[in-house]
Structure formats: C-alpha cells, structure tokens
Amino acid sequence: MSFKISLTKTVIKWTPNKLVSWIANIVLKDIGALTGFSFDLEMRKVYLQIQLVGESETIDVWLEGFGIISDGDDYKVIIKQAESNRIWLSNILSRVVNKEWKIPLTSQMAPYIEFMAELLEVESMTVEENN
C-alpha cells in the first residue's frame, strides 16, 4: 500500500460524520437532509439515512462489500450487499448487487481513477459480470 493510500485512509477514518452530514446537507438543500451516516472503509460498509422533503419517514440504506475492480484499462464497481427500509429501493438495489458495472472514464475522472481503484481495490470476491 502506497503512502498516499495509507494517508487517505487515515484522513477518511478521522473525518467526523458531522462534517460529512453538514456538507451533504448543503448539497441536498431543498431536496432532503442526511440525518444518519456512517462509513467504514476497511470493512467496506456504508449507512445512510435521508429525510426527503415532504416525506414523513426517513429512507435508510446499507451497503456492504463495495469496491473497484481494475482490469487493464477498464475499471468496474461492485457492491456485494445492499438493502433499504423501503421495499421499492431494496428491489432496485437487488438488481445491482453482485454485478460488475463498468465505470465510464470521463476526462475529469481519468487522472484519479487509478488512485480510486487502489483505494477501493477488491481483493477476492466472486462476481457476476454485467453485460
């Protein structure tokens, strides 16, 4: 693991959840509010709780086992498990888990994709290829 990756993982680990929520809520203004958040890069787990404007209940989402697979010049994202407290969202998530999804390389993303692939490298997962 490179020094840059190690430093980035440390910064992510030390970033307060309240800071992430504050920034997310600036972006989500007039749409909703991030009311719950946790992120564990080492365990590859994310929890989000969002209160959408006009909705009486929050939407909770849990993701586990996410990563990036590097295959030569191609990069793919995978999520091993995903669920929500909303049936419709869990049904959508069930259609994307355990599949490799090619990441389109835009000119803005190209300089960073190799770094992101190393940061979120998938070590050993059995996956179903999405065609």
C-alpha atoms as a PDB file:
ATOM      1  CA  MET A   1       0.000   0.000   0.000  1.00  0.00           C
ATOM      2  CA  SER A   2       1.388   3.368  -1.005  1.00  0.00           C
ATOM      3  CA  PHE A   3       1.904   6.213   1.421  1.00  0.00           C
ATOM      4  CA  LYS A   4      -0.756   8.253  -0.401  1.00  0.00           C
ATOM      5  CA  ILE A   5      -3.357   5.483   0.026  1.00  0.00           C
ATOM      6  CA  SER A   6      -2.428   4.965   3.667  1.00  0.00           C
ATOM      7  CA  LEU A   7      -2.707   8.701   4.366  1.00  0.00           C
ATOM      8  CA  THR A   8      -6.052   8.932   2.546  1.00  0.00           C
ATOM      9  CA  LYS A   9      -7.473   6.012   4.538  1.00  0.00           C
ATOM     10  CA  THR A  10      -6.379   7.709   7.764  1.00  0.00           C
ATOM     11  CA  VAL A  11      -7.980  11.019   6.753  1.00  0.00           C
ATOM     12  CA  ILE A  12     -11.235   9.249   5.826  1.00  0.00           C
ATOM     13  CA  LYS A  13     -11.211   7.394   9.136  1.00  0.00           C
ATOM     14  CA  TRP A  14     -10.672  10.621  11.095  1.00  0.00           C
ATOM     15  CA  THR A  15     -13.230  12.710   9.189  1.00  0.00           C
ATOM     16  CA  PRO A  16     -16.112  13.431  11.574  1.00  0.00           C
ATOM     17  CA  ASN A  17     -19.516  12.141  10.455  1.00  0.00           C
ATOM     18  CA  LYS A  18     -20.980  15.539  11.375  1.00  0.00           C
ATOM     19  CA  LEU A  19     -18.717  17.198   8.802  1.00  0.00           C
ATOM     20  CA  VAL A  20     -19.872  14.769   6.104  1.00  0.00           C
ATOM     21  CA  SER A  21     -23.509  15.359   7.078  1.00  0.00           C
ATOM     22  CA  TRP A  22     -23.043  19.136   7.042  1.00  0.00           C
ATOM     23  CA  ILE A  23     -21.537  19.096   3.526  1.00  0.00           C
ATOM     24  CA  ALA A  24     -24.153  16.611   2.257  1.00  0.00           C
ATOM     25  CA  ASN A  25     -26.935  18.786   3.619  1.00  0.00           C
ATOM     26  CA  ILE A  26     -25.590  21.804   1.729  1.00  0.00           C
ATOM     27  CA  VAL A  27     -25.754  19.739  -1.480  1.00  0.00           C
ATOM     28  CA  LEU A  28     -29.184  18.290  -0.608  1.00  0.00           C
ATOM     29  CA  LYS A  29     -30.741  21.668   0.264  1.00  0.00           C
ATOM     30  CA  ASP A  30     -34.420  21.783  -0.788  1.00  0.00           C
ATOM     31  CA  ILE A  31     -34.316  18.021  -1.564  1.00  0.00           C
ATOM     32  CA  GLY A  32     -33.737  16.442   1.813  1.00  0.00           C
ATOM     33  CA  ALA A  33     -31.364  16.078   4.737  1.00  0.00           C
ATOM     34  CA  LEU A  34     -28.797  13.453   5.643  1.00  0.00           C
ATOM     35  CA  THR A  35     -29.874  12.525   9.178  1.00  0.00           C
ATOM     36  CA  GLY A  36     -27.680   9.481   9.733  1.00  0.00           C
ATOM     37  CA  PHE A  37     -24.317   8.446   8.317  1.00  0.00           C
ATOM     38  CA  SER A  38     -21.520   6.001   8.962  1.00  0.00           C
ATOM     39  CA  PHE A  39     -18.690   4.903   6.706  1.00  0.00           C
ATOM     40  CA  ASP A  40     -16.097   2.204   7.375  1.00  0.00           C
ATOM     41  CA  LEU A  41     -13.612   1.969   4.526  1.00  0.00           C
ATOM     42  CA  GLU A  42     -11.748  -1.004   5.997  1.00  0.00           C
ATOM     43  CA  MET A  43     -14.919  -3.071   6.474  1.00  0.00           C
ATOM     44  CA  ARG A  44     -16.440  -1.639   3.271  1.00  0.00           C
ATOM     45  CA  LYS A  45     -19.692  -0.618   4.967  1.00  0.00           C
ATOM     46  CA  VAL A  46     -21.835   2.476   4.468  1.00  0.00           C
ATOM     47  CA  TYR A  47     -25.046   3.502   6.196  1.00  0.00           C
ATOM     48  CA  LEU A  48     -27.112   6.471   5.046  1.00  0.00           C
ATOM     49  CA  GLN A  49     -30.319   7.847   6.493  1.00  0.00           C
ATOM     50  CA  ILE A  50     -32.037  10.548   4.452  1.00  0.00           C
ATOM     51  CA  GLN A  51     -35.131  12.578   5.243  1.00  0.00           C
ATOM     52  CA  LEU A  52     -36.614  13.726   1.926  1.00  0.00           C
ATOM     53  CA  VAL A  53     -38.629  16.936   1.835  1.00  0.00           C
ATOM     54  CA  GLY A  54     -42.332  16.142   2.063  1.00  0.00           C
ATOM     55  CA  GLU A  55     -41.805  12.578   3.318  1.00  0.00           C
ATOM     56  CA  SER A  56     -42.833  11.555   6.826  1.00  0.00           C
ATOM     57  CA  GLU A  57     -40.297   8.714   7.212  1.00  0.00           C
ATOM     58  CA  THR A  58     -36.585   8.524   6.563  1.00  0.00           C
ATOM     59  CA  ILE A  59     -35.008   6.314   3.910  1.00  0.00           C
ATOM     60  CA  ASP A  60     -32.261   4.080   5.287  1.00  0.00           C
ATOM     61  CA  VAL A  61     -29.676   2.437   3.015  1.00  0.00           C
ATOM     62  CA  TRP A  62     -26.984  -0.084   3.961  1.00  0.00           C
ATOM     63  CA  LEU A  63     -24.162  -1.017   1.570  1.00  0.00           C
ATOM     64  CA  GLU A  64     -21.505  -3.664   2.206  1.00  0.00           C
ATOM     65  CA  GLY A  65     -18.611  -5.075   0.238  1.00  0.00           C
ATOM     66  CA  PHE A  66     -18.168  -2.263  -2.276  1.00  0.00           C
ATOM     67  CA  GLY A  67     -15.050  -1.818  -4.333  1.00  0.00           C
ATOM     68  CA  ILE A  68     -13.405  -1.181  -7.672  1.00  0.00           C
ATOM     69  CA  ILE A  69     -12.035  -3.923  -9.900  1.00  0.00           C
ATOM     70  CA  SER A  70      -9.173  -2.980 -12.197  1.00  0.00           C
ATOM     71  CA  ASP A  71      -8.917  -4.969 -15.419  1.00  0.00           C
ATOM     72  CA  GLY A  72      -6.207  -3.423 -17.569  1.00  0.00           C
ATOM     73  CA  ASP A  73      -7.534  -0.074 -18.731  1.00  0.00           C
ATOM     74  CA  ASP A  74     -11.087  -0.889 -17.617  1.00  0.00           C
ATOM     75  CA  TYR A  75     -12.460  -0.199 -14.152  1.00  0.00           C
ATOM     76  CA  LYS A  76     -15.621  -1.677 -12.683  1.00  0.00           C
ATOM     77  CA  VAL A  77     -17.506  -1.048  -9.464  1.00  0.00           C
ATOM     78  CA  ILE A  78     -19.173  -3.793  -7.437  1.00  0.00           C
ATOM     79  CA  ILE A  79     -21.437  -3.829  -4.384  1.00  0.00           C
ATOM     80  CA  LYS A  80     -21.816  -7.201  -2.637  1.00  0.00           C
ATOM     81  CA  GLN A  81     -24.806  -6.363  -0.412  1.00  0.00           C
ATOM     82  CA  ALA A  82     -27.299  -3.513  -0.387  1.00  0.00           C
ATOM     83  CA  GLU A  83     -30.641  -3.038   1.278  1.00  0.00           C
ATOM     84  CA  SER A  84     -33.070  -0.355   2.374  1.00  0.00           C
ATOM     85  CA  ASN A  85     -36.016   0.084   4.705  1.00  0.00           C
ATOM     86  CA  ARG A  86     -38.102   0.836   1.605  1.00  0.00           C
ATOM     87  CA  ILE A  87     -39.188  -2.229  -0.374  1.00  0.00           C
ATOM     88  CA  TRP A  88     -39.054  -0.446  -3.723  1.00  0.00           C
ATOM     89  CA  LEU A  89     -35.473   0.704  -3.101  1.00  0.00           C
ATOM     90  CA  SER A  90     -34.381  -2.741  -1.856  1.00  0.00           C
ATOM     91  CA  ASN A  91     -35.817  -4.206  -5.069  1.00  0.00           C
ATOM     92  CA  ILE A  92     -33.804  -1.748  -7.165  1.00  0.00           C
ATOM     93  CA  LEU A  93     -30.651  -2.442  -5.147  1.00  0.00           C
ATOM     94  CA  SER A  94     -31.123  -6.208  -5.546  1.00  0.00           C
ATOM     95  CA  ARG A  95     -30.726  -5.727  -9.296  1.00  0.00           C
ATOM     96  CA  VAL A  96     -27.305  -4.091  -8.990  1.00  0.00           C
ATOM     97  CA  VAL A  97     -25.583  -6.163  -6.294  1.00  0.00           C
ATOM     98  CA  ASN A  98     -23.017  -8.838  -7.155  1.00  0.00           C
ATOM     99  CA  LYS A  99     -22.536  -7.435 -10.649  1.00  0.00           C
ATOM    100  CA  GLU A 100     -19.602  -5.612 -12.133  1.00  0.00           C
ATOM    101  CA  TRP A 101     -20.583  -2.215 -13.530  1.00  0.00           C
ATOM    102  CA  LYS A 102     -18.118  -0.553 -15.885  1.00  0.00           C
ATOM    103  CA  ILE A 103     -17.064   2.925 -14.783  1.00  0.00           C
ATOM    104  CA  PRO A 104     -17.133   5.310 -17.757  1.00  0.00           C
ATOM    105  CA  LEU A 105     -13.885   7.253 -17.838  1.00  0.00           C
ATOM    106  CA  THR A 106     -14.550  10.926 -18.346  1.00  0.00           C
ATOM    107  CA  SER A 107     -11.743  13.401 -18.882  1.00  0.00           C
ATOM    108  CA  GLN A 108     -12.397  14.790 -15.383  1.00  0.00           C
ATOM    109  CA  MET A 109     -12.157  11.342 -13.765  1.00  0.00           C
ATOM    110  CA  ALA A 110      -9.255   9.888 -15.765  1.00  0.00           C
ATOM    111  CA  PRO A 111      -6.443  11.440 -13.667  1.00  0.00           C
ATOM    112  CA  TYR A 112      -7.929   9.995 -10.432  1.00  0.00           C
ATOM    113  CA  ILE A 113      -9.306   6.568 -11.380  1.00  0.00           C
ATOM    114  CA  GLU A 114      -6.070   4.671 -10.748  1.00  0.00           C
ATOM    115  CA  PHE A 115      -5.835   6.181  -7.255  1.00  0.00           C
ATOM    116  CA  MET A 116      -9.507   5.397  -6.555  1.00  0.00           C
ATOM    117  CA  ALA A 117      -9.046   1.845  -7.826  1.00  0.00           C
ATOM    118  CA  GLU A 118      -6.144   1.321  -5.425  1.00  0.00           C
ATOM    119  CA  LEU A 119      -8.058   2.912  -2.538  1.00  0.00           C
ATOM    120  CA  LEU A 120     -11.168   0.770  -3.139  1.00  0.00           C
ATOM    121  CA  GLU A 121      -9.421  -2.321  -4.513  1.00  0.00           C
ATOM    122  CA  VAL A 122     -11.417  -5.534  -4.395  1.00  0.00           C
ATOM    123  CA  GLU A 123      -9.170  -8.277  -3.072  1.00  0.00           C
ATOM    124  CA  SER A 124     -11.036 -11.533  -3.636  1.00  0.00           C
ATOM    125  CA  MET A 125     -14.698 -11.605  -4.498  1.00  0.00           C
ATOM    126  CA  THR A 126     -16.675 -13.882  -6.760  1.00  0.00           C
ATOM    127  CA  VAL A 127     -18.776 -11.702  -9.003  1.00  0.00           C
ATOM    128  CA  GLU A 128     -21.290 -11.982 -11.806  1.00  0.00           C
ATOM    129  CA  GLU A 129     -20.331  -9.926 -14.858  1.00  0.00           C
ATOM    130  CA  ASN A 130     -22.949  -7.416 -16.054  1.00  0.00           C
ATOM    131  CA  ASN A 131     -23.350  -7.419 -19.831  1.00  0.00           C
END
